[in-house]
C-alpha atoms as a PDB file:
ATOM      1  CA  MET A   1      -0.012  -0.269  -0.138  1.00  0.00           C
ATOM      2  CA  ALA A   2       2.835   2.208   0.831  1.00  0.00           C
ATOM      3  CA  ARG A   3       4.575   1.434  -2.488  1.00  0.00           C
ATOM      4  CA  ARG A   4       1.151   2.394  -4.130  1.00  0.00           C
ATOM      5  CA  ARG A   5       0.788   5.546  -2.529  1.00  0.00           C
ATOM      6  CA  ILE A   6       4.500   6.759  -3.500  1.00  0.00           C
ATOM      7  CA  ARG A   7       3.627   5.685  -6.966  1.00  0.00           C
ATOM      8  CA  TRP A   8       0.798   7.668  -7.315  1.00  0.00           C
ATOM      9  CA  GLY A   9       2.352  10.734  -5.433  1.00  0.00           C
ATOM     10  CA  ARG A  10       5.344  10.422  -8.281  1.00  0.00           C
ATOM     11  CA  ILE A  11       2.995  10.080 -11.160  1.00  0.00           C
ATOM     12  CA  THR A  12       1.028  13.038  -9.768  1.00  0.00           C
ATOM     13  CA  LEU A  13       4.241  15.085  -9.431  1.00  0.00           C
ATOM     14  CA  ALA A  14       4.990  14.261 -13.042  1.00  0.00           C
ATOM     15  CA  ILE A  15       1.792  15.875 -14.175  1.00  0.00           C
ATOM     16  CA  VAL A  16       1.566  18.624 -12.030  1.00  0.00           C
ATOM     17  CA  MET A  17       5.301  20.169 -12.183  1.00  0.00           C
ATOM     18  CA  PRO A  18       5.373  20.675 -15.762  1.00  0.00           C
ATOM     19  CA  ALA A  19       1.734  22.059 -15.714  1.00  0.00           C
ATOM     20  CA  VAL A  20       3.018  24.461 -12.985  1.00  0.00           C
ATOM     21  CA  ALA A  21       6.063  25.445 -15.150  1.00  0.00           C
ATOM     22  CA  ALA A  22       4.075  25.892 -17.865  1.00  0.00           C
ATOM     23  CA  PHE A  23       1.471  28.018 -16.438  1.00  0.00           C
ATOM     24  CA  LEU A  24       4.498  30.131 -14.643  1.00  0.00           C
ATOM     25  CA  TYR A  25       6.018  30.466 -18.200  1.00  0.00           C
ATOM     26  CA  TYR A  26       2.837  32.002 -19.683  1.00  0.00           C
ATOM     27  CA  LEU A  27       2.582  34.501 -16.637  1.00  0.00           C
ATOM     28  CA  LEU A  28       6.358  35.368 -17.128  1.00  0.00           C
ATOM     29  CA  ARG A  29       6.894  34.948 -21.115  1.00  0.00           C
ATOM     30  CA  PRO A  30       8.694  37.654 -22.711  1.00  0.00           C
ATOM     31  CA  LEU A  31       6.748  40.107 -25.145  1.00  0.00           C
ATOM     32  CA  PRO A  32       6.519  38.197 -28.507  1.00  0.00           C
ATOM     33  CA  VAL A  33       8.057  41.178 -30.251  1.00  0.00           C
ATOM     34  CA  THR A  34      10.542  43.506 -28.335  1.00  0.00           C
ATOM     35  CA  PRO A  35       9.385  47.115 -28.709  1.00  0.00           C
ATOM     36  CA  VAL A  36      12.176  49.233 -30.780  1.00  0.00           C
ATOM     37  CA  PRO A  37      11.877  53.135 -30.902  1.00  0.00           C
ATOM     38  CA  ALA A  38      11.301  54.548 -34.091  1.00  0.00           C
ATOM     39  CA  VAL A  39      14.000  55.972 -36.197  1.00  0.00           C
ATOM     40  CA  PHE A  40      13.510  60.163 -35.811  1.00  0.00           C
ATOM     41  CA  HIS A  41      14.845  63.249 -37.148  1.00  0.00           C
ATOM     42  CA  GLU A  42      16.177  65.262 -34.461  1.00  0.00           C
ATOM     43  CA  TYR A  43      14.820  68.924 -34.829  1.00  0.00           C
ATOM     44  CA  ASP A  44      17.395  71.682 -34.100  1.00  0.00           C
ATOM     45  CA  LEU A  45      15.465  73.787 -31.484  1.00  0.00           C
ATOM     46  CA  THR A  46      17.157  76.906 -32.805  1.00  0.00           C
ATOM     47  CA  LYS A  47      15.576  76.727 -35.949  1.00  0.00           C
ATOM     48  CA  GLY A  48      12.108  77.165 -35.413  1.00  0.00           C
ATOM     49  CA  ARG A  49       9.339  79.755 -33.704  1.00  0.00           C
ATOM     50  CA  PHE A  50       6.814  79.617 -31.233  1.00  0.00           C
ATOM     51  CA  VAL A  51       2.892  80.082 -31.610  1.00  0.00           C
ATOM     52  CA  ALA A  52       0.029  80.579 -28.959  1.00  0.00           C
ATOM     53  CA  LEU A  53      -1.535  77.317 -28.345  1.00  0.00           C
ATOM     54  CA  GLU A  54      -5.322  78.024 -29.055  1.00  0.00           C
ATOM     55  CA  ALA A  55      -8.287  76.137 -27.949  1.00  0.00           C
ATOM     56  CA  PRO A  56      -8.275  72.911 -29.730  1.00  0.00           C
ATOM     57  CA  SER A  57     -10.786  71.817 -32.473  1.00  0.00           C
ATOM     58  CA  ASP A  58     -10.341  67.938 -31.304  1.00  0.00           C
ATOM     59  CA  VAL A  59      -8.146  66.039 -28.666  1.00  0.00           C
ATOM     60  CA  PHE A  60      -6.927  62.689 -29.232  1.00  0.00           C
ATOM     61  CA  GLY A  61      -4.472  60.231 -27.490  1.00  0.00           C
ATOM     62  CA  VAL A  62      -2.272  57.698 -28.203  1.00  0.00           C
ATOM     63  CA  GLY A  63      -1.427  54.942 -25.356  1.00  0.00           C
ATOM     64  CA  LEU A  64       1.422  52.478 -24.908  1.00  0.00           C
ATOM     65  CA  SER A  65       4.134  54.320 -27.124  1.00  0.00           C
ATOM     66  CA  TYR A  66       7.180  54.294 -25.476  1.00  0.00           C
ATOM     67  CA  ALA A  67       9.126  51.357 -25.670  1.00  0.00           C
ATOM     68  CA  LYS A  68      10.411  51.239 -21.875  1.00  0.00           C
ATOM     69  CA  HIS A  69       6.931  51.754 -20.665  1.00  0.00           C
ATOM     70  CA  ILE A  70       5.698  48.656 -22.953  1.00  0.00           C
ATOM     71  CA  GLU A  71       8.225  46.582 -21.968  1.00  0.00           C
ATOM     72  CA  GLU A  72       7.530  47.396 -17.892  1.00  0.00           C
ATOM     73  CA  THR A  73       3.342  47.008 -18.390  1.00  0.00           C
ATOM     74  CA  ALA A  74       2.205  45.567 -21.535  1.00  0.00           C
ATOM     75  CA  SER A  75       0.682  41.838 -21.248  1.00  0.00           C
ATOM     76  CA  ASP A  76       1.340  41.985 -25.246  1.00  0.00           C
ATOM     77  CA  PHE A  77       2.728  43.904 -28.172  1.00  0.00           C
ATOM     78  CA  ASP A  78       2.207  43.728 -31.822  1.00  0.00           C
ATOM     79  CA  PRO A  79       3.195  46.696 -33.598  1.00  0.00           C
ATOM     80  CA  ARG A  80       1.376  45.524 -36.857  1.00  0.00           C
ATOM     81  CA  SER A  81      -2.154  46.193 -34.582  1.00  0.00           C
ATOM     82  CA  GLY A  82      -0.928  49.641 -33.736  1.00  0.00           C
ATOM     83  CA  PRO A  83      -1.197  51.433 -30.134  1.00  0.00           C
ATOM     84  CA  PRO A  84      -4.606  52.254 -28.340  1.00  0.00           C
ATOM     85  CA  VAL A  85      -6.096  55.310 -29.522  1.00  0.00           C
ATOM     86  CA  PHE A  86      -8.764  57.517 -27.727  1.00  0.00           C
ATOM     87  CA  ARG A  87     -10.716  60.583 -27.586  1.00  0.00           C
ATOM     88  CA  LYS A  88     -10.518  63.401 -25.117  1.00  0.00           C
ATOM     89  CA  HIS A  89     -12.820  66.083 -24.401  1.00  0.00           C
ATOM     90  CA  PRO A  90     -11.567  69.625 -25.263  1.00  0.00           C
ATOM     91  CA  ARG A  91     -13.093  70.919 -21.978  1.00  0.00           C
ATOM     92  CA  ALA A  92     -10.265  68.658 -20.157  1.00  0.00           C
ATOM     93  CA  VAL A  93      -7.752  71.333 -21.575  1.00  0.00           C
ATOM     94  CA  VAL A  94      -6.417  74.091 -18.950  1.00  0.00           C
ATOM     95  CA  GLY A  95      -3.337  76.150 -18.952  1.00  0.00           C
ATOM     96  CA  ASP A  96      -0.452  76.539 -16.485  1.00  0.00           C
ATOM     97  CA  GLY A  97      -1.116  77.479 -13.012  1.00  0.00           C
ATOM     98  CA  SER A  98      -4.473  76.114 -13.027  1.00  0.00           C
ATOM     99  CA  SER A  99      -6.147  74.272 -10.096  1.00  0.00           C
ATOM    100  CA  VAL A 100      -7.591  70.849 -11.155  1.00  0.00           C
ATOM    101  CA  VAL A 101     -10.504  69.599  -9.079  1.00  0.00           C
ATOM    102  CA  LEU A 102      -9.863  65.686  -7.988  1.00  0.00           C
ATOM    103  CA  PRO A 103     -13.617  64.364  -9.029  1.00  0.00           C
ATOM    104  CA  GLY A 104     -15.492  62.604  -6.369  1.00  0.00           C
ATOM    105  CA  ALA A 105     -17.422  59.242  -6.169  1.00  0.00           C
ATOM    106  CA  GLY A 106     -20.368  61.303  -7.567  1.00  0.00           C
ATOM    107  CA  ALA A 107     -18.864  62.932 -10.411  1.00  0.00           C
ATOM    108  CA  LEU A 108     -16.988  59.692 -11.512  1.00  0.00           C
ATOM    109  CA  ALA A 109     -20.607  57.974 -11.279  1.00  0.00           C
ATOM    110  CA  SER A 110     -22.298  60.282 -12.911  1.00  0.00           C
ATOM    111  CA  ALA A 111     -19.465  60.529 -16.043  1.00  0.00           C
ATOM    112  CA  LEU A 112     -19.860  56.740 -16.082  1.00  0.00           C
ATOM    113  CA  GLU A 113     -23.821  56.178 -16.028  1.00  0.00           C
ATOM    114  CA  ASP A 114     -23.616  58.918 -19.228  1.00  0.00           C
ATOM    115  CA  SER A 115     -21.446  56.323 -21.114  1.00  0.00           C
ATOM    116  CA  GLU A 116     -22.812  53.154 -19.578  1.00  0.00           C
ATOM    117  CA  PRO A 117     -26.206  53.405 -18.305  1.00  0.00           C
ATOM    118  CA  GLY A 118     -26.986  51.113 -15.350  1.00  0.00           C
ATOM    119  CA  ILE A 119     -23.444  50.679 -14.329  1.00  0.00           C
ATOM    120  CA  SER A 120     -23.931  52.702 -10.963  1.00  0.00           C
ATOM    121  CA  ASP A 121     -26.943  49.698 -10.175  1.00  0.00           C
ATOM    122  CA  LYS A 122     -23.811  47.464 -11.075  1.00  0.00           C
ATOM    123  CA  LEU A 123     -21.428  49.023  -8.738  1.00  0.00           C
ATOM    124  CA  ALA A 124     -24.252  48.953  -5.945  1.00  0.00           C
ATOM    125  CA  ALA A 125     -24.332  45.186  -6.363  1.00  0.00           C
ATOM    126  CA  GLU A 126     -20.818  44.872  -5.804  1.00  0.00           C
ATOM    127  CA  ASP A 127     -20.705  46.880  -2.983  1.00  0.00           C
ATOM    128  CA  LEU A 128     -18.031  49.394  -4.585  1.00  0.00           C
ATOM    129  CA  SER A 129     -17.681  52.969  -4.259  1.00  0.00           C
ATOM    130  CA  LEU A 130     -15.397  54.616  -6.717  1.00  0.00           C
ATOM    131  CA  ASP A 131     -12.028  56.323  -6.007  1.00  0.00           C
ATOM    132  CA  CYS A 132     -10.564  58.505  -8.717  1.00  0.00           C
ATOM    133  CA  LEU A 133      -7.065  57.025  -8.281  1.00  0.00           C
ATOM    134  CA  LEU A 134      -6.007  59.850 -10.110  1.00  0.00           C
ATOM    135  CA  ASP A 135      -2.367  59.517 -12.192  1.00  0.00           C
ATOM    136  CA  TYR A 136      -0.249  62.093 -13.813  1.00  0.00           C
ATOM    137  CA  GLU A 137       1.359  61.511 -17.335  1.00  0.00           C
ATOM    138  CA  GLY A 138       3.713  63.580 -18.651  1.00  0.00           C
ATOM    139  CA  GLU A 139       3.606  63.816 -22.590  1.00  0.00           C
ATOM    140  CA  LEU A 140       5.047  65.476 -25.728  1.00  0.00           C
ATOM    141  CA  GLY A 141       1.993  66.796 -27.535  1.00  0.00           C
ATOM    142  CA  PHE A 142       1.648  68.131 -31.299  1.00  0.00           C
ATOM    143  CA  VAL A 143      -1.114  70.390 -32.870  1.00  0.00           C
ATOM    144  CA  LEU A 144      -1.993  70.178 -36.584  1.00  0.00           C
ATOM    145  CA  MET A 145      -1.140  73.762 -38.192  1.00  0.00           C
ATOM    146  CA  ASP A 146      -3.188  72.693 -41.207  1.00  0.00           C
ATOM    147  CA  ASP A 147      -5.408  70.360 -42.431  1.00  0.00           C
ATOM    148  CA  VAL A 148      -4.686  66.869 -43.447  1.00  0.00           C
ATOM    149  CA  ASP A 149      -5.941  64.770 -46.126  1.00  0.00           C
ATOM    150  CA  PRO A 150      -5.875  61.391 -44.751  1.00  0.00           C
ATOM    151  CA  ALA A 151      -5.098  59.723 -47.829  1.00  0.00           C
ATOM    152  CA  GLU A 152      -1.854  61.796 -48.003  1.00  0.00           C
ATOM    153  CA  LEU A 153      -0.818  59.588 -44.635  1.00  0.00           C
ATOM    154  CA  GLY A 154       0.033  56.602 -46.986  1.00  0.00           C
ATOM    155  CA  ARG A 155       2.656  58.666 -49.071  1.00  0.00           C
ATOM    156  CA  PRO A 156       6.145  58.038 -47.657  1.00  0.00           C
ATOM    157  CA  ASP A 157       6.959  61.854 -48.604  1.00  0.00           C
ATOM    158  CA  PHE A 158       4.382  63.279 -46.733  1.00  0.00           C
ATOM    159  CA  ILE A 159       5.233  65.931 -44.283  1.00  0.00           C
ATOM    160  CA  PRO A 160       2.412  67.073 -41.622  1.00  0.00           C
ATOM    161  CA  GLN A 161       2.766  70.548 -40.638  1.00  0.00           C
ATOM    162  CA  ILE A 162       2.766  70.337 -36.638  1.00  0.00           C
ATOM    163  CA  GLY A 163       3.627  72.185 -33.543  1.00  0.00           C
ATOM    164  CA  PHE A 164       5.092  70.499 -30.450  1.00  0.00           C
ATOM    165  CA  PHE A 165       4.096  71.441 -27.028  1.00  0.00           C
ATOM    166  CA  ILE A 166       4.465  70.054 -23.425  1.00  0.00           C
ATOM    167  CA  ALA A 167       1.034  68.472 -21.914  1.00  0.00           C
ATOM    168  CA  ASN A 168       0.018  66.597 -18.718  1.00  0.00           C
ATOM    169  CA  ASP A 169      -2.623  63.581 -19.630  1.00  0.00           C
ATOM    170  CA  LEU A 170      -4.281  63.345 -16.063  1.00  0.00           C
ATOM    171  CA  SER A 171      -6.395  60.086 -15.548  1.00  0.00           C
ATOM    172  CA  ALA A 172      -9.066  58.653 -13.270  1.00  0.00           C
ATOM    173  CA  ARG A 173      -7.757  55.290 -13.468  1.00  0.00           C
ATOM    174  CA  SER A 174     -10.708  53.629 -11.663  1.00  0.00           C
ATOM    175  CA  ILE A 175     -12.874  54.482 -14.837  1.00  0.00           C
ATOM    176  CA  ALA A 176     -10.296  53.024 -17.132  1.00  0.00           C
ATOM    177  CA  ILE A 177      -9.986  49.909 -14.910  1.00  0.00           C
ATOM    178  CA  LEU A 178     -13.847  49.614 -15.410  1.00  0.00           C
ATOM    179  CA  GLY A 179     -13.208  49.477 -19.243  1.00  0.00           C
ATOM    180  CA  GLU A 180     -11.489  46.366 -18.901  1.00  0.00           C
ATOM    181  CA  GLY A 181     -12.770  43.589 -20.780  1.00  0.00           C
ATOM    182  CA  MET A 182     -15.321  45.814 -22.461  1.00  0.00           C
ATOM    183  CA  PRO A 183     -15.459  45.762 -26.518  1.00  0.00           C
ATOM    184  CA  ASN A 184     -15.162  49.664 -26.327  1.00  0.00           C
ATOM    185  CA  ARG A 185     -12.314  49.641 -23.489  1.00  0.00           C
ATOM    186  CA  TYR A 186     -10.483  52.585 -24.921  1.00  0.00           C
ATOM    187  CA  ASP A 187     -13.790  54.747 -24.686  1.00  0.00           C
ATOM    188  CA  TYR A 188     -13.256  54.506 -20.723  1.00  0.00           C
ATOM    189  CA  TRP A 189      -9.604  55.655 -21.341  1.00  0.00           C
ATOM    190  CA  GLY A 190     -10.951  58.766 -23.075  1.00  0.00           C
ATOM    191  CA  LEU A 191     -13.705  59.210 -20.303  1.00  0.00           C
ATOM    192  CA  SER A 192     -11.285  58.767 -17.491  1.00  0.00           C
ATOM    193  CA  LYS A 193      -9.078  61.530 -19.078  1.00  0.00           C
ATOM    194  CA  SER A 194     -11.786  64.242 -19.791  1.00  0.00           C
ATOM    195  CA  PHE A 195     -12.818  65.907 -16.817  1.00  0.00           C
ATOM    196  CA  PRO A 196     -12.566  69.558 -16.726  1.00  0.00           C
ATOM    197  CA  GLY A 197      -8.706  70.247 -16.037  1.00  0.00           C
ATOM    198  CA  PHE A 198      -7.352  67.016 -16.982  1.00  0.00           C
ATOM    199  CA  MET A 199      -5.288  68.156 -19.902  1.00  0.00           C
ATOM    200  CA  PRO A 200      -2.837  71.116 -18.611  1.00  0.00           C
ATOM    201  CA  VAL A 201      -0.972  72.548 -21.348  1.00  0.00           C
ATOM    202  CA  GLY A 202       1.874  74.546 -21.995  1.00  0.00           C
ATOM    203  CA  ALA A 203       1.262  78.013 -23.051  1.00  0.00           C
ATOM    204  CA  ARG A 204       2.979  77.796 -26.681  1.00  0.00           C
ATOM    205  CA  ALA A 205       3.933  75.150 -29.381  1.00  0.00           C
ATOM    206  CA  TRP A 206       7.674  75.228 -31.069  1.00  0.00           C
ATOM    207  CA  VAL A 207       7.003  75.000 -35.107  1.00  0.00           C
ATOM    208  CA  PRO A 208      10.175  74.068 -36.985  1.00  0.00           C
ATOM    209  CA  ASP A 209      11.385  76.175 -39.834  1.00  0.00           C
ATOM    210  CA  ALA A 210      11.954  73.138 -42.068  1.00  0.00           C
ATOM    211  CA  PRO A 211       9.530  70.178 -41.369  1.00  0.00           C
ATOM    212  CA  VAL A 212      10.853  67.394 -42.488  1.00  0.00           C
ATOM    213  CA  ALA A 213       9.514  63.523 -42.240  1.00  0.00           C
ATOM    214  CA  ASN A 214       9.346  61.954 -38.716  1.00  0.00           C
ATOM    215  CA  GLY A 215      10.825  65.151 -37.573  1.00  0.00           C
ATOM    216  CA  ILE A 216      10.766  65.538 -33.542  1.00  0.00           C
ATOM    217  CA  PRO A 217      12.394  68.073 -31.038  1.00  0.00           C
ATOM    218  CA  PRO A 218      14.735  65.593 -29.104  1.00  0.00           C
ATOM    219  CA  VAL A 219      13.626  66.728 -25.578  1.00  0.00           C
ATOM    220  CA  THR A 220      13.173  65.351 -22.218  1.00  0.00           C
ATOM    221  CA  ILE A 221      10.076  64.958 -20.422  1.00  0.00           C
ATOM    222  CA  GLU A 222      10.088  65.219 -16.616  1.00  0.00           C
ATOM    223  CA  THR A 223       7.159  65.237 -14.292  1.00  0.00           C
ATOM    224  CA  ARG A 224       7.569  66.143 -10.622  1.00  0.00           C
ATOM    225  CA  VAL A 225       5.000  66.014  -7.671  1.00  0.00           C
ATOM    226  CA  ASN A 226       5.503  68.250  -4.924  1.00  0.00           C
ATOM    227  CA  GLY A 227       9.323  68.454  -5.908  1.00  0.00           C
ATOM    228  CA  ASP A 228       9.924  64.580  -6.387  1.00  0.00           C
ATOM    229  CA  VAL A 229      10.737  63.341  -9.913  1.00  0.00           C
ATOM    230  CA  ARG A 230       8.429  60.661 -11.175  1.00  0.00           C
ATOM    231  CA  GLN A 231       9.104  60.493 -14.875  1.00  0.00           C
ATOM    232  CA  ARG A 232      12.095  61.084 -17.017  1.00  0.00           C
ATOM    233  CA  GLN A 233      12.172  60.002 -20.592  1.00  0.00           C
ATOM    234  CA  VAL A 234      13.979  61.474 -23.513  1.00  0.00           C
ATOM    235  CA  VAL A 235      10.950  61.664 -26.412  1.00  0.00           C
ATOM    236  CA  THR A 236      13.060  59.826 -29.183  1.00  0.00           C
ATOM    237  CA  GLY A 237      11.950  56.891 -26.961  1.00  0.00           C
ATOM    238  CA  LEU A 238       8.431  56.673 -28.995  1.00  0.00           C
ATOM    239  CA  VAL A 239       7.776  53.647 -30.823  1.00  0.00           C
ATOM    240  CA  TYR A 240       5.613  55.686 -33.436  1.00  0.00           C
ATOM    241  CA  THR A 241       6.089  58.941 -35.335  1.00  0.00           C
ATOM    242  CA  PRO A 242       3.800  61.535 -35.249  1.00  0.00           C
ATOM    243  CA  ARG A 243       2.587  60.479 -38.842  1.00  0.00           C
ATOM    244  CA  GLN A 244       1.955  56.936 -37.836  1.00  0.00           C
ATOM    245  CA  MET A 245      -0.183  58.616 -34.962  1.00  0.00           C
ATOM    246  CA  LEU A 246      -2.245  60.367 -37.422  1.00  0.00           C
ATOM    247  CA  ARG A 247      -2.701  57.427 -39.517  1.00  0.00           C
ATOM    248  CA  PHE A 248      -3.624  55.414 -36.024  1.00  0.00           C
ATOM    249  CA  ILE A 249      -6.482  57.843 -35.110  1.00  0.00           C
ATOM    250  CA  HIS A 250      -7.691  58.096 -39.195  1.00  0.00           C
ATOM    251  CA  ASP A 251      -8.087  54.291 -38.452  1.00  0.00           C
ATOM    252  CA  ALA A 252      -9.795  54.040 -35.384  1.00  0.00           C
ATOM    253  CA  TYR A 253     -11.945  57.241 -36.102  1.00  0.00           C
ATOM    254  CA  PRO A 254     -12.318  57.099 -39.987  1.00  0.00           C
ATOM    255  CA  GLU A 255     -15.094  59.651 -39.815  1.00  0.00           C
ATOM    256  CA  GLN A 256     -13.361  62.213 -38.096  1.00  0.00           C
ATOM    257  CA  PRO A 257     -11.697  64.786 -40.112  1.00  0.00           C
ATOM    258  CA  LEU A 258      -8.083  65.979 -39.387  1.00  0.00           C
ATOM    259  CA  ARG A 259      -8.465  69.283 -38.771  1.00  0.00           C
ATOM    260  CA  ARG A 260      -6.210  72.292 -37.892  1.00  0.00           C
ATOM    261  CA  GLY A 261      -5.632  72.775 -34.313  1.00  0.00           C
ATOM    262  CA  MET A 262      -6.254  69.104 -33.343  1.00  0.00           C
ATOM    263  CA  MET A 263      -4.394  68.177 -30.753  1.00  0.00           C
ATOM    264  CA  VAL A 264      -2.759  64.848 -30.251  1.00  0.00           C
ATOM    265  CA  LEU A 265      -0.921  63.280 -26.998  1.00  0.00           C
ATOM    266  CA  THR A 266       1.871  60.896 -27.797  1.00  0.00           C
ATOM    267  CA  GLY A 267       1.624  58.903 -24.548  1.00  0.00           C
ATOM    268  CA  THR A 268       3.634  58.632 -21.463  1.00  0.00           C
ATOM    269  CA  PRO A 269       6.818  57.017 -20.367  1.00  0.00           C
ATOM    270  CA  GLY A 270       7.354  54.633 -17.520  1.00  0.00           C
ATOM    271  CA  GLY A 271       6.822  56.208 -13.933  1.00  0.00           C
ATOM    272  CA  VAL A 272       3.209  56.458 -13.668  1.00  0.00           C
ATOM    273  CA  ALA A 273       1.217  55.578 -10.393  1.00  0.00           C
ATOM    274  CA  MET A 274      -0.787  53.099 -11.990  1.00  0.00           C
ATOM    275  CA  LYS A 275       1.696  49.879 -12.187  1.00  0.00           C
ATOM    276  CA  SER A 276       0.727  46.831 -13.830  1.00  0.00           C
ATOM    277  CA  PRO A 277       3.234  43.909 -13.758  1.00  0.00           C
ATOM    278  CA  ARG A 278       2.620  42.175 -17.023  1.00  0.00           C
ATOM    279  CA  TRP A 279       2.289  38.933 -15.005  1.00  0.00           C
ATOM    280  CA  LYS A 280      -0.698  39.960 -12.896  1.00  0.00           C
ATOM    281  CA  VAL A 281      -2.189  41.502 -15.939  1.00  0.00           C
ATOM    282  CA  ARG A 282      -1.999  37.626 -17.343  1.00  0.00           C
ATOM    283  CA  LEU A 283      -3.113  36.214 -14.287  1.00  0.00           C
ATOM    284  CA  ALA A 284      -6.124  38.098 -13.906  1.00  0.00           C
ATOM    285  CA  ASN A 285      -6.828  37.729 -17.459  1.00  0.00           C
ATOM    286  CA  ALA A 286      -6.176  33.816 -17.008  1.00  0.00           C
ATOM    287  CA  ILE A 287      -8.806  33.346 -14.052  1.00  0.00           C
ATOM    288  CA  ARG A 288     -11.126  35.526 -16.102  1.00  0.00           C
ATOM    289  CA  MET A 289     -11.382  38.338 -12.893  1.00  0.00           C
ATOM    290  CA  SER A 290     -13.930  40.670 -13.381  1.00  0.00           C
ATOM    291  CA  ARG A 291     -13.648  44.406 -13.966  1.00  0.00           C
ATOM    292  CA  PHE A 292     -14.912  45.092 -10.502  1.00  0.00           C
ATOM    293  CA  THR A 293     -12.841  42.933  -8.515  1.00  0.00           C
ATOM    294  CA  LYS A 294      -9.622  44.004 -10.149  1.00  0.00           C
ATOM    295  CA  LEU A 295     -11.048  47.813  -9.160  1.00  0.00           C
ATOM    296  CA  SER A 296     -11.819  46.508  -5.853  1.00  0.00           C
ATOM    297  CA  ILE A 297      -7.956  45.031  -5.362  1.00  0.00           C
ATOM    298  CA  LYS A 298      -6.439  47.983  -6.904  1.00  0.00           C
ATOM    299  CA  GLN A 299      -8.727  50.857  -4.603  1.00  0.00           C
ATOM    300  CA  ASP A 300      -8.117  48.427  -1.595  1.00  0.00           C
ATOM    301  CA  GLY A 301      -4.086  48.250  -2.257  1.00  0.00           C
ATOM    302  CA  ASP A 302      -1.497  50.714  -1.845  1.00  0.00           C
ATOM    303  CA  THR A 303      -2.456  54.040  -3.512  1.00  0.00           C
ATOM    304  CA  SER A 304       0.303  56.385  -2.050  1.00  0.00           C
ATOM    305  CA  SER A 305       1.392  56.813  -5.606  1.00  0.00           C
ATOM    306  CA  PHE A 306      -1.684  58.296  -6.817  1.00  0.00           C
ATOM    307  CA  LEU A 307      -2.435  62.272  -6.686  1.00  0.00           C
ATOM    308  CA  GLU A 308      -4.095  63.911  -3.582  1.00  0.00           C
ATOM    309  CA  ALA A 309      -5.604  67.235  -3.237  1.00  0.00           C
ATOM    310  CA  GLY A 310      -2.825  69.917  -2.630  1.00  0.00           C
ATOM    311  CA  ASP A 311      -0.567  67.913  -4.661  1.00  0.00           C
ATOM    312  CA  GLU A 312       1.592  70.211  -6.995  1.00  0.00           C
ATOM    313  CA  VAL A 313       2.123  68.731 -10.458  1.00  0.00           C
ATOM    314  CA  THR A 314       4.610  70.048 -13.147  1.00  0.00           C
ATOM    315  CA  VAL A 315       5.855  68.656 -16.528  1.00  0.00           C
ATOM    316  CA  SER A 316       8.628  70.283 -18.369  1.00  0.00           C
ATOM    317  CA  GLY A 317       9.888  70.025 -21.628  1.00  0.00           C
ATOM    318  CA  GLY A 318      13.202  71.554 -21.697  1.00  0.00           C
ATOM    319  CA  PRO A 319      13.355  74.317 -24.550  1.00  0.00           C
ATOM    320  CA  LEU A 320       9.519  73.581 -25.331  1.00  0.00           C
ATOM    321  CA  GLY A 321       8.614  74.799 -21.558  1.00  0.00           C
ATOM    322  CA  SER A 322       6.431  73.406 -18.551  1.00  0.00           C
ATOM    323  CA  VAL A 323       3.123  73.305 -17.314  1.00  0.00           C
ATOM    324  CA  GLY A 324       2.078  73.033 -13.487  1.00  0.00           C
ATOM    325  CA  VAL A 325      -1.059  72.385 -11.586  1.00  0.00           C
ATOM    326  CA  THR A 326      -2.417  72.169  -8.137  1.00  0.00           C
ATOM    327  CA  ILE A 327      -4.920  69.410  -7.305  1.00  0.00           C
ATOM    328  CA  ALA A 328      -7.805  70.553  -5.477  1.00  0.00           C
ATOM    329  CA  ALA A 329     -10.289  68.757  -3.164  1.00  0.00           C
ATOM    330  CA  GLU A 330     -13.955  68.717  -4.749  1.00  0.00           C
ATOM    331  CA  ASP A 331     -16.271  71.417  -3.362  1.00  0.00           C
END
């Protein structure tokens, strides 16, 4: 009998151990394609002019666009399918020195209800109250100086006329988490970034005298929270060029005209408050964890890196200037 138990124990071990090893590899496996920064022409910032930024006609954002950030957080990466693209509401745009209100549970639920009617009842059924989980995202932005014909985007010699500026893409991560698993997931990204004041921008944009294909000002984006550096990355670490980003926007929103004054946020480097190690994302997906459970776990965990009322956030970009805001409590 003892020998039989030992035999069955060895058989069980021989079956279980490979299964465990395979599952661990599934969680920890590297990305199928290593993200590589695009090849850029680096502009000389002494050969250009500054223009005042005006209220945008439209605002779009591109996500997961820095090679280092993709390596740190993405559960998958396929350069052929392009990055996440989302629309931001122009009401989010504010200038340097502004006070940005931290939305409370009521404001968050109201915005969600407009986008997904009935979600308030679902949150109540889960006994889940919303925290904002306000995050910072220092970014390089660009603005269209002329209308763009989408048919031109496929031409290798096409050069969009754009100006570059500094921005902070503030985000209510709780809303973004509730978009996970939804067919319109990136609409939740846009909603999470569209509250009033959630897009502080610098006062001016830099326009090159002689635009070239794949041109970019080689500045370093730096984000400070209460004086402490949270992000620091040279923008040449971007995986996509501005021209590619315009094509991705057109592919995602084919009916949207690419009009003069449209602003595009090019994505954020690593160092944001919302950190999602690859293995955790894959584990949650493997066990089919619900979006409500994901949010509950995040809200009950360590949220000390997220912004709070009274925090001062400054994003700088060397010669492109900087933009700073103070986070204020909801009245």
